[in-house]
N, C-alpha and C. Protein backbone atom coordinates (compact mmCIF):
# COMPACT_ATOMS: atom_id res chain seq x y z
N UNK A 1 75.27 81.78 109.49
CA UNK A 1 75.88 82.13 108.21
C UNK A 1 77.16 81.32 108.04
N UNK A 2 77.31 80.66 106.93
CA UNK A 2 78.46 79.81 106.67
C UNK A 2 79.01 80.07 105.27
N UNK A 3 80.25 79.61 105.00
CA UNK A 3 80.81 79.81 103.66
C UNK A 3 79.92 79.21 102.58
N UNK A 4 79.86 79.89 101.44
CA UNK A 4 79.08 79.40 100.32
C UNK A 4 77.65 79.88 100.29
N UNK A 5 77.18 80.48 101.37
CA UNK A 5 75.82 81.00 101.38
C UNK A 5 75.79 82.38 100.73
N UNK A 6 74.60 82.80 100.37
CA UNK A 6 74.45 84.11 99.72
C UNK A 6 74.91 85.23 100.65
N UNK A 7 74.56 85.12 101.94
CA UNK A 7 74.96 86.16 102.90
C UNK A 7 76.48 86.22 103.04
N UNK A 8 77.14 85.06 103.10
CA UNK A 8 78.60 85.04 103.24
C UNK A 8 79.29 85.58 102.01
N UNK A 9 78.68 85.45 100.85
CA UNK A 9 79.30 85.92 99.61
C UNK A 9 79.41 87.44 99.56
N UNK A 10 78.70 88.13 100.43
CA UNK A 10 78.78 89.59 100.46
C UNK A 10 80.06 90.09 101.12
N UNK A 11 80.73 89.21 101.88
CA UNK A 11 81.96 89.60 102.55
C UNK A 11 83.13 89.59 101.57
N UNK A 12 84.14 90.43 101.86
CA UNK A 12 85.35 90.43 101.03
C UNK A 12 85.98 89.05 101.03
N UNK A 13 86.01 88.39 102.18
CA UNK A 13 86.41 86.99 102.27
C UNK A 13 85.76 86.39 103.50
N UNK A 14 85.42 85.11 103.39
CA UNK A 14 84.74 84.39 104.47
C UNK A 14 85.35 83.00 104.48
N UNK A 15 86.21 82.75 105.47
CA UNK A 15 87.06 81.58 105.46
C UNK A 15 86.35 80.25 105.64
N UNK A 16 87.06 79.21 105.26
CA UNK A 16 86.56 77.84 105.36
C UNK A 16 86.20 77.49 106.80
N UNK A 17 85.05 76.86 106.97
CA UNK A 17 84.57 76.36 108.27
C UNK A 17 84.31 77.46 109.28
N UNK A 18 84.18 78.70 108.83
CA UNK A 18 83.81 79.79 109.74
C UNK A 18 82.29 79.88 109.85
N UNK A 19 81.84 80.58 110.90
CA UNK A 19 80.41 80.63 111.18
C UNK A 19 80.06 81.93 111.88
N UNK A 20 78.98 82.57 111.44
CA UNK A 20 78.36 83.65 112.20
C UNK A 20 77.02 83.12 112.67
N UNK A 21 76.86 83.00 113.99
CA UNK A 21 75.68 82.35 114.55
C UNK A 21 74.44 83.22 114.38
N UNK A 22 73.30 82.57 114.37
CA UNK A 22 72.00 83.23 114.28
C UNK A 22 71.39 83.31 115.67
N UNK A 23 70.71 84.42 116.03
CA UNK A 23 70.51 85.61 115.20
C UNK A 23 71.70 86.54 115.25
N UNK A 24 71.92 87.27 114.15
CA UNK A 24 72.92 88.32 114.13
C UNK A 24 72.30 89.63 114.61
N UNK A 25 73.13 90.53 115.08
CA UNK A 25 72.63 91.85 115.47
C UNK A 25 72.65 92.75 114.22
N UNK A 26 73.72 93.52 114.04
CA UNK A 26 73.83 94.41 112.89
C UNK A 26 75.09 94.06 112.10
N UNK A 27 74.95 93.91 110.81
CA UNK A 27 76.10 93.65 109.94
C UNK A 27 75.95 94.52 108.69
N UNK A 28 76.97 95.35 108.42
CA UNK A 28 77.01 96.07 107.14
C UNK A 28 78.45 96.41 106.80
N UNK A 29 78.65 96.80 105.55
CA UNK A 29 80.00 97.07 105.05
C UNK A 29 80.78 95.81 104.74
N UNK A 30 80.07 94.72 104.43
CA UNK A 30 80.70 93.41 104.27
C UNK A 30 81.81 93.38 103.23
N UNK A 31 81.71 94.19 102.18
CA UNK A 31 82.71 94.08 101.11
C UNK A 31 84.09 94.58 101.52
N UNK A 32 84.20 95.15 102.72
CA UNK A 32 85.52 95.50 103.26
C UNK A 32 85.86 94.72 104.52
N UNK A 33 85.08 93.66 104.80
CA UNK A 33 85.29 92.84 105.99
C UNK A 33 85.83 91.47 105.58
N UNK A 34 86.93 91.06 106.20
CA UNK A 34 87.56 89.77 105.93
C UNK A 34 87.49 88.91 107.19
N UNK A 35 87.01 87.69 107.05
CA UNK A 35 86.93 86.74 108.15
C UNK A 35 87.76 85.51 107.78
N UNK A 36 88.68 85.14 108.65
CA UNK A 36 89.56 84.01 108.37
C UNK A 36 88.86 82.68 108.47
N UNK A 37 89.63 81.62 108.44
CA UNK A 37 89.07 80.27 108.48
C UNK A 37 88.86 79.80 109.92
N UNK A 38 87.86 78.94 110.10
CA UNK A 38 87.56 78.31 111.39
C UNK A 38 87.35 79.33 112.51
N UNK A 39 86.73 80.43 112.16
CA UNK A 39 86.40 81.49 113.12
C UNK A 39 84.92 81.42 113.46
N UNK A 40 84.62 81.57 114.74
CA UNK A 40 83.24 81.49 115.22
C UNK A 40 82.81 82.85 115.77
N UNK A 41 81.80 83.45 115.17
CA UNK A 41 81.20 84.69 115.65
C UNK A 41 79.89 84.30 116.33
N UNK A 42 79.77 84.60 117.63
CA UNK A 42 78.63 84.15 118.41
C UNK A 42 77.33 84.86 118.09
N UNK A 43 76.29 84.46 118.81
CA UNK A 43 74.95 85.02 118.59
C UNK A 43 74.91 86.51 118.93
N UNK A 44 74.07 87.23 118.19
CA UNK A 44 73.77 88.65 118.45
C UNK A 44 75.01 89.53 118.43
N UNK A 45 75.97 89.19 117.58
CA UNK A 45 77.17 90.02 117.43
C UNK A 45 76.97 91.05 116.32
N UNK A 46 77.63 92.19 116.48
CA UNK A 46 77.60 93.27 115.49
C UNK A 46 78.96 93.38 114.82
N UNK A 47 78.97 93.39 113.49
CA UNK A 47 80.17 93.63 112.70
C UNK A 47 79.84 94.70 111.68
N UNK A 48 80.47 95.86 111.77
CA UNK A 48 80.15 96.92 110.82
C UNK A 48 81.42 97.61 110.33
N UNK A 49 81.33 98.13 109.11
CA UNK A 49 82.40 98.92 108.52
C UNK A 49 81.77 100.10 107.81
N UNK A 50 82.27 101.31 108.11
CA UNK A 50 81.71 102.51 107.51
C UNK A 50 80.68 103.15 108.41
N UNK A 51 79.96 104.13 107.85
CA UNK A 51 79.03 104.92 108.65
C UNK A 51 77.58 104.48 108.53
N UNK A 52 77.33 103.48 107.74
CA UNK A 52 75.97 103.00 107.59
C UNK A 52 75.86 102.09 106.40
N UNK A 53 74.73 101.40 106.27
CA UNK A 53 74.56 100.45 105.16
C UNK A 53 74.71 101.07 103.78
N UNK A 54 74.47 102.37 103.64
CA UNK A 54 74.55 102.99 102.33
C UNK A 54 75.90 103.59 102.01
N UNK A 55 76.90 103.37 102.86
CA UNK A 55 78.22 103.94 102.64
C UNK A 55 78.94 103.16 101.53
N UNK A 56 79.20 103.82 100.40
CA UNK A 56 79.81 103.13 99.26
C UNK A 56 81.32 103.28 99.21
N UNK A 57 81.89 104.20 99.98
CA UNK A 57 83.33 104.40 99.97
C UNK A 57 83.92 103.71 101.21
N UNK A 58 84.27 102.44 101.03
CA UNK A 58 84.78 101.64 102.14
C UNK A 58 86.22 101.22 101.88
N UNK A 59 87.06 101.20 102.92
CA UNK A 59 88.40 100.65 102.75
C UNK A 59 88.32 99.16 102.44
N UNK A 60 89.23 98.68 101.61
CA UNK A 60 89.16 97.28 101.16
C UNK A 60 89.45 96.29 102.28
N UNK A 61 90.19 96.73 103.29
CA UNK A 61 90.51 95.88 104.43
C UNK A 61 90.23 96.64 105.73
N UNK A 62 89.03 97.17 105.83
CA UNK A 62 88.69 97.99 106.99
C UNK A 62 88.53 97.21 108.27
N UNK A 63 88.06 95.95 108.15
CA UNK A 63 87.91 95.07 109.31
C UNK A 63 88.42 93.70 108.92
N UNK A 64 89.51 93.29 109.57
CA UNK A 64 90.13 92.00 109.26
C UNK A 64 90.16 91.16 110.52
N UNK A 65 89.57 89.97 110.45
CA UNK A 65 89.52 89.03 111.57
C UNK A 65 90.27 87.78 111.13
N UNK A 66 91.20 87.32 111.95
CA UNK A 66 92.07 86.22 111.57
C UNK A 66 91.43 84.84 111.65
N UNK A 67 92.29 83.83 111.59
CA UNK A 67 91.85 82.44 111.65
C UNK A 67 91.62 82.00 113.10
N UNK A 68 90.69 81.07 113.27
CA UNK A 68 90.45 80.40 114.55
C UNK A 68 90.11 81.37 115.69
N UNK A 69 89.45 82.45 115.37
CA UNK A 69 89.01 83.40 116.40
C UNK A 69 87.64 82.98 116.93
N UNK A 70 87.33 83.41 118.14
CA UNK A 70 86.02 83.15 118.75
C UNK A 70 85.51 84.45 119.36
N UNK A 71 84.32 84.88 118.96
CA UNK A 71 83.68 86.07 119.52
C UNK A 71 82.50 85.63 120.36
N UNK A 72 82.47 86.04 121.62
CA UNK A 72 81.36 85.71 122.50
C UNK A 72 80.09 86.45 122.12
N UNK A 73 78.99 85.95 122.66
CA UNK A 73 77.67 86.52 122.40
C UNK A 73 77.63 88.02 122.68
N UNK A 74 76.95 88.76 121.83
CA UNK A 74 76.69 90.20 121.97
C UNK A 74 77.95 91.05 121.90
N UNK A 75 78.99 90.55 121.28
CA UNK A 75 80.18 91.38 121.07
C UNK A 75 79.96 92.30 119.87
N UNK A 76 80.65 93.44 119.88
CA UNK A 76 80.49 94.45 118.83
C UNK A 76 81.85 94.89 118.33
N UNK A 77 82.04 94.84 117.02
CA UNK A 77 83.24 95.40 116.40
C UNK A 77 82.77 96.37 115.32
N UNK A 78 83.01 97.65 115.55
CA UNK A 78 82.53 98.67 114.63
C UNK A 78 83.72 99.46 114.08
N UNK A 79 84.03 99.23 112.82
CA UNK A 79 85.20 99.85 112.18
C UNK A 79 84.76 100.94 111.22
N UNK A 80 85.58 101.99 111.16
CA UNK A 80 85.36 103.04 110.17
C UNK A 80 86.51 103.07 109.15
N UNK A 81 87.72 102.77 109.61
CA UNK A 81 88.88 102.79 108.74
C UNK A 81 89.72 101.53 108.85
N UNK A 82 90.08 101.14 110.11
CA UNK A 82 91.00 100.00 110.24
C UNK A 82 90.94 99.35 111.61
N UNK A 83 90.43 98.12 111.65
CA UNK A 83 90.56 97.25 112.82
C UNK A 83 91.13 95.93 112.33
N UNK A 84 92.25 95.52 112.91
CA UNK A 84 92.90 94.27 112.52
C UNK A 84 93.01 93.36 113.74
N UNK A 85 92.43 92.18 113.65
CA UNK A 85 92.42 91.20 114.74
C UNK A 85 93.17 89.97 114.25
N UNK A 86 94.20 89.56 115.00
CA UNK A 86 95.06 88.46 114.57
C UNK A 86 94.40 87.10 114.68
N UNK A 87 95.21 86.07 114.50
CA UNK A 87 94.73 84.70 114.61
C UNK A 87 94.56 84.28 116.07
N UNK A 88 93.65 83.34 116.31
CA UNK A 88 93.49 82.72 117.63
C UNK A 88 93.17 83.74 118.73
N UNK A 89 92.44 84.77 118.38
CA UNK A 89 91.99 85.76 119.36
C UNK A 89 90.59 85.37 119.84
N UNK A 90 90.41 85.34 121.14
CA UNK A 90 89.13 84.97 121.72
C UNK A 90 88.55 86.15 122.48
N UNK A 91 87.26 86.41 122.24
CA UNK A 91 86.51 87.43 122.97
C UNK A 91 85.56 86.74 123.94
N UNK A 92 85.41 87.31 125.14
CA UNK A 92 84.32 86.92 126.01
C UNK A 92 83.02 87.53 125.50
N UNK A 93 82.00 87.52 126.33
CA UNK A 93 80.71 88.07 125.93
C UNK A 93 80.71 89.59 126.09
N UNK A 94 80.02 90.26 125.18
CA UNK A 94 79.80 91.70 125.31
C UNK A 94 81.03 92.57 125.14
N UNK A 95 82.03 92.10 124.42
CA UNK A 95 83.22 92.91 124.15
C UNK A 95 82.87 93.98 123.11
N UNK A 96 83.44 95.19 123.28
CA UNK A 96 83.20 96.29 122.35
C UNK A 96 84.53 96.80 121.82
N UNK A 97 84.65 96.89 120.49
CA UNK A 97 85.86 97.39 119.84
C UNK A 97 85.47 98.42 118.79
N UNK A 98 86.13 99.59 118.79
CA UNK A 98 85.85 100.61 117.78
C UNK A 98 87.11 101.40 117.47
N UNK A 99 87.22 101.86 116.23
CA UNK A 99 88.36 102.68 115.84
C UNK A 99 88.00 104.16 115.72
N UNK A 100 86.83 104.56 116.16
CA UNK A 100 86.42 105.96 116.10
C UNK A 100 85.41 106.27 117.19
N UNK A 101 85.34 107.52 117.57
CA UNK A 101 84.35 107.97 118.54
C UNK A 101 83.72 109.26 118.02
N UNK A 102 82.88 109.87 118.82
CA UNK A 102 82.24 111.11 118.41
C UNK A 102 83.03 112.31 118.92
N UNK A 103 83.06 113.37 118.12
CA UNK A 103 83.67 114.61 118.56
C UNK A 103 82.71 115.41 119.43
N UNK A 104 83.21 116.49 120.01
CA UNK A 104 82.38 117.35 120.86
C UNK A 104 82.77 118.81 120.72
N UNK A 105 83.57 119.13 119.67
CA UNK A 105 84.12 120.47 119.55
C UNK A 105 83.06 121.53 119.31
N UNK A 106 82.03 121.21 118.53
CA UNK A 106 80.99 122.19 118.21
C UNK A 106 79.91 122.15 119.28
N UNK A 107 79.81 123.19 120.11
CA UNK A 107 78.85 123.16 121.21
C UNK A 107 77.39 123.25 120.76
N UNK A 108 77.16 123.60 119.49
CA UNK A 108 75.80 123.76 119.00
C UNK A 108 75.28 122.53 118.26
N UNK A 109 76.16 121.58 117.98
CA UNK A 109 75.77 120.38 117.23
C UNK A 109 75.68 119.18 118.17
N UNK A 110 74.62 118.41 118.08
CA UNK A 110 74.52 117.22 118.93
C UNK A 110 75.76 116.33 118.79
N UNK A 111 76.22 115.80 119.91
CA UNK A 111 77.42 114.98 119.91
C UNK A 111 77.30 113.82 118.92
N UNK A 112 76.12 113.22 118.85
CA UNK A 112 75.93 112.09 117.96
C UNK A 112 76.13 112.42 116.50
N UNK A 113 76.04 113.70 116.14
CA UNK A 113 76.22 114.11 114.75
C UNK A 113 77.64 114.58 114.45
N UNK A 114 78.51 114.56 115.45
CA UNK A 114 79.89 114.99 115.26
C UNK A 114 80.79 113.76 115.15
N UNK A 115 81.59 113.72 114.09
CA UNK A 115 82.47 112.59 113.86
C UNK A 115 83.84 112.86 114.47
N UNK A 116 84.34 111.89 115.22
CA UNK A 116 85.66 112.02 115.80
C UNK A 116 86.74 111.52 114.86
N UNK A 117 87.98 111.63 115.30
CA UNK A 117 89.11 111.19 114.49
C UNK A 117 89.22 109.67 114.50
N UNK A 118 89.55 109.09 113.34
CA UNK A 118 89.76 107.64 113.26
C UNK A 118 91.15 107.30 113.77
N UNK A 119 91.26 106.25 114.56
CA UNK A 119 92.54 105.78 115.04
C UNK A 119 92.56 104.26 114.91
N UNK A 120 93.46 103.71 114.10
CA UNK A 120 93.47 102.26 113.87
C UNK A 120 93.61 101.46 115.15
N UNK A 121 92.99 100.29 115.16
CA UNK A 121 93.04 99.37 116.30
C UNK A 121 93.63 98.05 115.82
N UNK A 122 94.52 97.48 116.63
CA UNK A 122 95.04 96.15 116.31
C UNK A 122 95.07 95.30 117.58
N UNK A 123 94.74 94.02 117.41
CA UNK A 123 94.77 93.06 118.51
C UNK A 123 95.62 91.89 118.05
N UNK A 124 96.72 91.63 118.76
CA UNK A 124 97.68 90.63 118.34
C UNK A 124 97.18 89.20 118.49
N UNK A 125 97.77 88.32 117.72
CA UNK A 125 97.39 86.92 117.73
C UNK A 125 97.53 86.30 119.11
N UNK A 126 96.64 85.36 119.41
CA UNK A 126 96.71 84.61 120.65
C UNK A 126 96.20 85.33 121.87
N UNK A 127 95.58 86.48 121.71
CA UNK A 127 95.12 87.26 122.87
C UNK A 127 93.72 86.85 123.30
N UNK A 128 93.45 87.11 124.57
CA UNK A 128 92.14 86.82 125.17
C UNK A 128 91.57 88.13 125.69
N UNK A 129 90.38 88.50 125.23
CA UNK A 129 89.72 89.73 125.65
C UNK A 129 88.53 89.34 126.52
N UNK A 130 88.57 89.68 127.80
CA UNK A 130 87.56 89.23 128.75
C UNK A 130 86.20 89.87 128.57
N UNK A 131 85.21 89.29 129.26
CA UNK A 131 83.82 89.75 129.17
C UNK A 131 83.70 91.26 129.40
N UNK A 132 82.91 91.91 128.56
CA UNK A 132 82.54 93.32 128.72
C UNK A 132 83.74 94.27 128.63
N UNK A 133 84.86 93.82 128.12
CA UNK A 133 85.99 94.74 127.93
C UNK A 133 85.69 95.70 126.78
N UNK A 134 86.30 96.88 126.84
CA UNK A 134 86.13 97.90 125.80
C UNK A 134 87.51 98.24 125.24
N UNK A 135 87.65 98.14 123.92
CA UNK A 135 88.90 98.48 123.25
C UNK A 135 88.66 99.78 122.49
N UNK A 136 89.33 100.85 122.92
CA UNK A 136 89.08 102.18 122.39
C UNK A 136 89.90 102.46 121.13
N UNK A 137 89.50 103.49 120.36
CA UNK A 137 90.26 103.88 119.18
C UNK A 137 91.73 104.11 119.50
N UNK A 138 92.61 103.63 118.62
CA UNK A 138 94.04 103.82 118.81
C UNK A 138 94.72 102.74 119.61
N UNK A 139 93.96 101.80 120.16
CA UNK A 139 94.57 100.73 120.96
C UNK A 139 95.39 99.80 120.06
N UNK A 140 96.56 99.42 120.55
CA UNK A 140 97.41 98.46 119.86
C UNK A 140 97.81 97.40 120.88
N UNK A 141 97.17 96.26 120.80
CA UNK A 141 97.36 95.19 121.78
C UNK A 141 98.30 94.15 121.18
N UNK A 142 99.31 93.77 121.94
CA UNK A 142 100.31 92.83 121.44
C UNK A 142 99.83 91.40 121.38
N UNK A 143 100.79 90.48 121.18
CA UNK A 143 100.49 89.06 121.08
C UNK A 143 100.33 88.43 122.46
N UNK A 144 99.44 87.44 122.53
CA UNK A 144 99.25 86.66 123.75
C UNK A 144 99.04 87.55 124.97
N UNK A 145 98.14 88.50 124.83
CA UNK A 145 97.79 89.42 125.90
C UNK A 145 96.47 88.98 126.52
N UNK A 146 96.35 89.14 127.84
CA UNK A 146 95.08 88.94 128.53
C UNK A 146 94.53 90.30 128.92
N UNK A 147 93.31 90.61 128.49
CA UNK A 147 92.61 91.82 128.92
C UNK A 147 91.52 91.38 129.89
N UNK A 148 91.62 91.81 131.13
CA UNK A 148 90.68 91.37 132.16
C UNK A 148 89.27 91.86 131.86
N UNK A 149 88.30 91.12 132.36
CA UNK A 149 86.89 91.47 132.17
C UNK A 149 86.61 92.88 132.65
N UNK A 150 85.84 93.63 131.86
CA UNK A 150 85.44 94.97 132.25
C UNK A 150 86.49 96.04 132.08
N UNK A 151 87.64 95.70 131.54
CA UNK A 151 88.71 96.69 131.37
C UNK A 151 88.43 97.61 130.19
N UNK A 152 89.02 98.80 130.24
CA UNK A 152 88.93 99.75 129.13
C UNK A 152 90.35 100.01 128.64
N UNK A 153 90.64 99.62 127.41
CA UNK A 153 92.00 99.65 126.88
C UNK A 153 92.16 100.78 125.88
N UNK A 154 93.20 101.57 126.08
CA UNK A 154 93.60 102.57 125.10
C UNK A 154 95.13 102.58 125.04
N UNK A 155 95.69 103.01 123.94
CA UNK A 155 97.14 103.05 123.81
C UNK A 155 97.73 101.67 123.54
N UNK A 156 99.04 101.56 123.80
CA UNK A 156 99.79 100.35 123.47
C UNK A 156 99.84 99.38 124.65
N UNK A 157 99.70 98.11 124.34
CA UNK A 157 99.87 97.03 125.32
C UNK A 157 100.94 96.10 124.77
N UNK A 158 102.02 95.83 125.51
CA UNK A 158 103.10 94.99 124.99
C UNK A 158 102.70 93.52 124.88
N UNK A 159 103.49 92.77 124.13
CA UNK A 159 103.27 91.32 124.05
C UNK A 159 103.34 90.69 125.44
N UNK A 160 102.64 89.58 125.60
CA UNK A 160 102.74 88.76 126.81
C UNK A 160 102.54 89.58 128.08
N UNK A 161 101.42 90.28 128.12
CA UNK A 161 101.09 91.09 129.30
C UNK A 161 99.66 90.78 129.72
N UNK A 162 99.37 91.02 130.99
CA UNK A 162 98.01 90.96 131.52
C UNK A 162 97.64 92.37 131.94
N UNK A 163 96.54 92.90 131.41
CA UNK A 163 96.12 94.25 131.76
C UNK A 163 94.73 94.20 132.38
N UNK A 164 94.49 95.15 133.28
CA UNK A 164 93.20 95.20 133.97
C UNK A 164 92.93 96.63 134.41
N UNK A 165 91.64 96.95 134.55
CA UNK A 165 91.25 98.23 135.13
C UNK A 165 90.69 99.22 134.13
N UNK A 166 90.33 100.39 134.68
CA UNK A 166 89.77 101.49 133.89
C UNK A 166 90.52 102.76 134.28
N UNK A 167 91.47 103.23 133.46
CA UNK A 167 91.92 102.59 132.22
C UNK A 167 92.79 101.37 132.52
N UNK A 168 92.91 100.48 131.55
CA UNK A 168 93.67 99.24 131.76
C UNK A 168 95.16 99.54 131.91
N UNK A 169 95.77 98.88 132.88
CA UNK A 169 97.21 98.98 133.11
C UNK A 169 97.80 97.57 133.23
N UNK A 170 99.09 97.46 132.92
CA UNK A 170 99.75 96.17 133.02
C UNK A 170 99.86 95.76 134.48
N UNK A 171 99.31 94.60 134.82
CA UNK A 171 99.39 94.10 136.19
C UNK A 171 100.32 92.89 136.29
N UNK A 172 100.65 92.32 135.15
CA UNK A 172 101.59 91.20 135.14
C UNK A 172 102.18 91.11 133.73
N UNK A 173 103.46 90.76 133.66
CA UNK A 173 104.12 90.67 132.36
C UNK A 173 105.11 89.50 132.37
N UNK A 174 105.39 88.99 131.20
CA UNK A 174 106.31 87.86 131.09
C UNK A 174 107.73 88.36 130.97
N UNK A 175 108.59 87.92 131.89
CA UNK A 175 110.01 88.22 131.85
C UNK A 175 110.74 86.93 131.49
N UNK A 176 111.39 86.86 130.32
CA UNK A 176 112.07 85.63 129.91
C UNK A 176 113.05 85.14 130.97
N UNK A 177 112.99 83.86 131.26
CA UNK A 177 113.88 83.27 132.24
C UNK A 177 113.46 83.46 133.68
N UNK A 178 112.42 84.27 133.89
CA UNK A 178 111.95 84.53 135.26
C UNK A 178 110.53 84.02 135.44
N UNK A 179 109.63 84.43 134.58
CA UNK A 179 108.23 84.03 134.68
C UNK A 179 107.32 85.23 134.54
N UNK A 180 106.09 85.06 134.99
CA UNK A 180 105.09 86.13 134.95
C UNK A 180 105.24 86.99 136.20
N UNK A 181 105.69 88.22 136.00
CA UNK A 181 106.05 89.10 137.11
C UNK A 181 104.92 90.08 137.37
N UNK A 182 104.47 90.12 138.63
CA UNK A 182 103.46 91.08 139.05
C UNK A 182 104.08 92.13 139.94
N UNK A 183 103.30 92.67 140.85
CA UNK A 183 103.81 93.70 141.76
C UNK A 183 104.70 93.06 142.82
N UNK A 184 105.71 93.81 143.23
CA UNK A 184 106.59 93.33 144.28
C UNK A 184 107.33 92.08 143.86
N UNK A 185 107.29 91.08 144.73
CA UNK A 185 107.99 89.81 144.47
C UNK A 185 107.05 88.73 143.95
N UNK A 186 105.90 89.12 143.46
CA UNK A 186 104.92 88.15 142.98
C UNK A 186 105.31 87.65 141.59
N UNK A 187 105.89 86.45 141.56
CA UNK A 187 106.32 85.85 140.30
C UNK A 187 105.66 84.49 140.16
N UNK A 188 105.06 84.25 139.00
CA UNK A 188 104.44 82.96 138.72
C UNK A 188 105.18 82.31 137.55
N UNK A 189 105.32 80.98 137.60
CA UNK A 189 106.08 80.32 136.53
C UNK A 189 105.39 80.43 135.18
N UNK A 190 106.20 80.42 134.14
CA UNK A 190 105.68 80.38 132.78
C UNK A 190 105.71 78.93 132.32
N UNK A 191 104.54 78.38 131.97
CA UNK A 191 104.43 76.98 131.58
C UNK A 191 104.28 76.86 130.07
N UNK A 192 105.12 76.02 129.47
CA UNK A 192 104.95 75.71 128.05
C UNK A 192 103.91 74.60 127.91
N UNK A 193 103.46 74.37 126.69
CA UNK A 193 102.52 73.28 126.45
C UNK A 193 103.12 71.95 126.87
N UNK A 194 104.42 71.78 126.62
CA UNK A 194 105.09 70.54 127.01
C UNK A 194 105.12 70.39 128.53
N UNK A 195 105.34 71.50 129.25
CA UNK A 195 105.35 71.45 130.72
C UNK A 195 104.00 71.00 131.25
N UNK A 196 102.92 71.56 130.69
CA UNK A 196 101.58 71.20 131.15
C UNK A 196 101.29 69.74 130.87
N UNK A 197 101.69 69.26 129.70
CA UNK A 197 101.48 67.85 129.35
C UNK A 197 102.20 66.94 130.34
N UNK A 198 103.42 67.29 130.67
CA UNK A 198 104.20 66.48 131.62
C UNK A 198 103.58 66.53 133.01
N UNK A 199 103.09 67.71 133.41
CA UNK A 199 102.47 67.84 134.72
C UNK A 199 101.23 66.96 134.82
N UNK A 200 100.38 67.01 133.77
CA UNK A 200 99.16 66.21 133.78
C UNK A 200 99.47 64.71 133.77
N UNK A 201 100.62 64.35 133.22
CA UNK A 201 101.03 62.95 133.18
C UNK A 201 101.73 62.52 134.46
N UNK A 202 101.88 63.46 135.40
CA UNK A 202 102.52 63.14 136.67
C UNK A 202 104.03 63.08 136.60
N UNK A 203 104.61 63.69 135.56
CA UNK A 203 106.06 63.64 135.39
C UNK A 203 106.76 64.83 136.01
N UNK A 204 106.01 65.77 136.55
CA UNK A 204 106.61 66.97 137.14
C UNK A 204 106.33 66.98 138.64
């Protein structure tokens, strides 16, 4: 699916040079889904907004995906009210993101028929979400964050952090003037793009 096609025209916006690869898994609620420019959605990915294809009451910006994002194969983003993904966010394969879950309060009603509370999800620009990670309702992930493969994220994650585990916890964070600080005395240098260029040129 590419800009200018009939399928792409169903989206609220579908940016220049963006692509949803074939085959797609499930896509509905397009009129509240915004996709930025130069974004690549991999094969067999699911993008949904609302409770089903027949849901006519959709938020105008229920699912927003920024520019230059990459979603790995079989990733799923299922929004009911609000999922916002910044620019330059990359997903590994099989990532799952949702802003709602099922309730369980009524013991006589099947869990699948009980709707849970919606909690907005945001993923900051420049972040990397590893293979098979799960982003739960209410998660707020900062800028330039690494989420390790297989992690389950809930709650707030600060900018420039590396999180891992179930539930995900900060295992390394950027301290200005010091570097990437882990447990104990484990400190790794913070490299700028210019530093890497100089290193590759043999100037460091």
